[in-house]
């Protein structure tokens, strides 16, 4: 497996991996009709914009690939919830469902944390859907801890559905 920075030409494959990961990882947590209706083509513009936005240190997307197959992605940026930009954020983290529990996530997370450290951040955060126990266990196993913060919102991608997320934090070395 190789981990590398994503480039604009990767956008469509990242959108496809993102959708497949959501459909498997959020089964039972989000309405099945919403998950079934997710379309990588509808996410393509968003991924293109993400890959072109590199205005802050530490911002970017890492992709894990085996051969020609994308098996994971980690989107990194400065913390989005405040204007302080004091912490790095893992804004998206997805592994292809057929590659869960094969060590890919651990290697990708290690690379993501190293990149945030290299960008000068002392702390990293991420938000995880409340009730996503598999993801929470993975994050805890890789050194993340819930810090008590939660938020409820209606992300545009969820078409008016309110979700509650909990924040997790990781001290960077």
Protein backbone atom coordinates (compact mmCIF):
# COMPACT_ATOMS: atom_id res chain seq x y z
CA UNK A 1 0.00 0.00 0.00
CA UNK A 2 1.16 3.50 -0.82
CA UNK A 3 -0.01 6.76 0.80
CA UNK A 4 0.38 9.94 -1.19
CA UNK A 5 -1.09 13.43 -1.49
CA UNK A 6 -4.19 13.48 -3.67
CA UNK A 7 -4.20 15.54 -6.86
CA UNK A 8 -7.06 17.07 -8.82
CA UNK A 9 -7.16 14.11 -11.22
CA UNK A 10 -8.12 11.90 -8.22
CA UNK A 11 -11.40 13.74 -7.55
CA UNK A 12 -13.78 11.26 -9.19
CA UNK A 13 -12.17 8.25 -7.50
CA UNK A 14 -12.23 10.03 -4.14
CA UNK A 15 -15.93 10.85 -4.60
CA UNK A 16 -16.66 7.20 -5.38
CA UNK A 17 -14.69 5.95 -2.34
CA UNK A 18 -16.38 8.56 -0.14
CA UNK A 19 -19.87 7.40 -1.19
CA UNK A 20 -19.10 3.68 -0.77
CA UNK A 21 -17.64 4.33 2.66
CA UNK A 22 -20.70 6.33 3.75
CA UNK A 23 -23.09 3.68 2.44
CA UNK A 24 -21.41 0.96 4.48
CA UNK A 25 -20.24 2.90 7.53
CA UNK A 26 -23.45 4.83 8.17
CA UNK A 27 -25.85 1.93 7.57
CA UNK A 28 -28.29 1.97 10.46
CA UNK A 29 -27.17 5.47 11.51
CA UNK A 30 -28.64 7.46 8.61
CA UNK A 31 -31.82 6.72 6.63
CA UNK A 32 -31.20 3.96 4.10
CA UNK A 33 -33.00 5.94 1.40
CA UNK A 34 -30.45 8.74 1.83
CA UNK A 35 -27.53 6.31 1.64
CA UNK A 36 -28.98 4.53 -1.40
CA UNK A 37 -29.40 7.88 -3.14
CA UNK A 38 -25.80 9.02 -2.72
CA UNK A 39 -24.13 9.58 -6.07
CA UNK A 40 -20.38 10.04 -6.62
CA UNK A 41 -21.09 12.33 -9.58
CA UNK A 42 -23.00 14.68 -7.27
CA UNK A 43 -19.93 14.87 -4.99
CA UNK A 44 -17.41 15.44 -7.77
CA UNK A 45 -17.57 19.26 -7.73
CA UNK A 46 -17.05 19.28 -3.96
CA UNK A 47 -13.99 17.03 -4.19
CA UNK A 48 -12.54 19.14 -6.98
CA UNK A 49 -12.95 22.25 -4.80
CA UNK A 50 -11.38 20.48 -1.81
CA UNK A 51 -8.37 19.40 -3.84
CA UNK A 52 -7.82 22.92 -5.17
CA UNK A 53 -8.06 24.59 -1.74
CA UNK A 54 -4.60 24.60 -0.18
CA UNK A 55 -4.62 27.99 1.52
CA UNK A 56 -3.57 26.79 4.96
CA UNK A 57 -0.54 24.82 6.18
CA UNK A 58 -1.43 21.18 6.71
CA UNK A 59 -4.39 21.34 4.36
CA UNK A 60 -4.75 18.61 1.78
CA UNK A 61 -5.98 15.11 1.18
CA UNK A 62 -4.03 11.90 1.52
CA UNK A 63 -5.00 8.86 -0.50
CA UNK A 64 -4.10 5.25 0.28
CA UNK A 65 -3.85 3.04 -2.76
CA UNK A 66 -3.08 -0.56 -3.52
CA UNK A 67 -2.13 -0.88 -7.15
CA UNK A 68 -4.67 1.24 -9.02
CA UNK A 69 -7.34 0.95 -6.31
CA UNK A 70 -8.06 3.73 -3.84
CA UNK A 71 -8.51 2.08 -0.44
CA UNK A 72 -8.59 5.10 1.86
CA UNK A 73 -8.60 8.87 2.14
CA UNK A 74 -7.86 11.42 4.84
CA UNK A 75 -8.84 15.05 4.33
CA UNK A 76 -6.81 17.43 6.50
CA UNK A 77 -7.19 21.10 7.28
CA UNK A 78 -6.90 23.60 10.11
CA UNK A 79 -9.77 23.36 12.58
CA UNK A 80 -12.91 24.64 10.84
CA UNK A 81 -15.03 25.59 13.87
CA UNK A 82 -13.06 28.60 15.06
CA UNK A 83 -11.08 31.32 13.40
CA UNK A 84 -8.10 30.59 15.61
CA UNK A 85 -6.90 27.69 13.47
CA UNK A 86 -5.01 26.45 16.52
CA UNK A 87 -5.59 22.76 15.85
CA UNK A 88 -5.38 20.59 12.79
CA UNK A 89 -8.49 18.69 11.78
CA UNK A 90 -9.09 15.35 10.16
CA UNK A 91 -12.15 16.58 8.29
CA UNK A 92 -12.84 13.28 6.52
CA UNK A 93 -11.43 9.81 7.03
CA UNK A 94 -12.67 6.87 5.00
CA UNK A 95 -11.43 3.39 4.18
CA UNK A 96 -13.05 1.26 1.50
CA UNK A 97 -15.41 -1.15 3.29
CA UNK A 98 -13.84 -4.23 1.71
CA UNK A 99 -10.52 -3.17 3.25
CA UNK A 100 -11.68 -2.57 6.83
CA UNK A 101 -9.64 -4.27 9.56
CA UNK A 102 -6.57 -4.78 7.38
CA UNK A 103 -4.32 -2.13 8.94
CA UNK A 104 -4.93 0.40 6.17
CA UNK A 105 -6.78 2.79 8.47
CA UNK A 106 -4.01 2.70 11.07
CA UNK A 107 -1.32 3.46 8.49
CA UNK A 108 -3.39 6.21 6.91
CA UNK A 109 -4.17 7.78 10.30
CA UNK A 110 -0.49 7.69 11.23
CA UNK A 111 0.39 9.48 7.99
CA UNK A 112 -2.37 12.05 8.57
CA UNK A 113 -1.19 12.82 12.11
CA UNK A 114 2.40 13.11 10.91
CA UNK A 115 1.36 15.59 8.25
CA UNK A 116 -0.55 17.71 10.79
CA UNK A 117 2.45 17.60 13.11
CA UNK A 118 4.76 18.66 10.28
CA UNK A 119 2.40 21.59 9.61
CA UNK A 120 3.09 22.82 13.15
CA UNK A 121 -0.08 21.77 14.94
CA UNK A 122 0.16 20.55 18.56
CA UNK A 123 -3.39 19.20 18.62
CA UNK A 124 -5.74 17.54 16.15
CA UNK A 125 -9.49 17.13 16.25
CA UNK A 126 -12.11 15.21 14.33
CA UNK A 127 -15.88 14.89 14.49
CA UNK A 128 -17.57 11.48 14.51
CA UNK A 129 -21.25 10.69 14.17
CA UNK A 130 -22.67 9.88 17.60
CA UNK A 131 -23.50 6.19 17.68
CA UNK A 132 -20.86 5.21 15.11
CA UNK A 133 -19.31 2.76 17.55
CA UNK A 134 -17.01 1.08 15.02
CA UNK A 135 -15.44 4.42 14.07
CA UNK A 136 -15.20 5.52 17.70
CA UNK A 137 -13.40 2.28 18.64
CA UNK A 138 -10.98 2.74 15.73
CA UNK A 139 -10.24 6.33 16.69
CA UNK A 140 -9.71 5.39 20.35
CA UNK A 141 -7.36 2.58 19.28
CA UNK A 142 -5.29 5.14 17.36
CA UNK A 143 -4.96 7.54 20.30
CA UNK A 144 -8.02 9.78 19.96
CA UNK A 145 -10.16 10.68 22.99
CA UNK A 146 -13.61 12.25 23.21
CA UNK A 147 -13.23 15.74 24.69
CA UNK A 148 -16.87 16.29 25.64
CA UNK A 149 -17.84 18.64 22.81
CA UNK A 150 -20.84 17.81 20.64
CA UNK A 151 -22.72 19.54 17.86
CA UNK A 152 -25.98 19.00 16.04
CA UNK A 153 -26.44 20.30 12.55
CA UNK A 154 -28.14 19.76 9.23
CA UNK A 155 -25.33 19.34 6.70
CA UNK A 156 -26.33 20.19 3.13
CA UNK A 157 -25.30 16.70 1.96
CA UNK A 158 -27.86 15.15 4.33
CA UNK A 159 -30.82 16.98 2.82
CA UNK A 160 -32.24 18.43 6.02
CA UNK A 161 -31.50 15.51 8.35
CA UNK A 162 -30.10 16.61 11.70
CA UNK A 163 -27.09 14.67 12.94
CA UNK A 164 -25.23 14.85 16.22
CA UNK A 165 -21.48 14.48 16.26
CA UNK A 166 -18.96 14.24 19.08
CA UNK A 167 -15.52 15.78 18.90
CA UNK A 168 -12.42 13.72 19.51
CA UNK A 169 -8.95 15.14 20.12
CA UNK A 170 -5.41 13.84 19.68
CA UNK A 171 -2.25 15.40 21.06
CA UNK A 172 0.44 15.62 18.42
CA UNK A 173 4.12 15.10 19.16
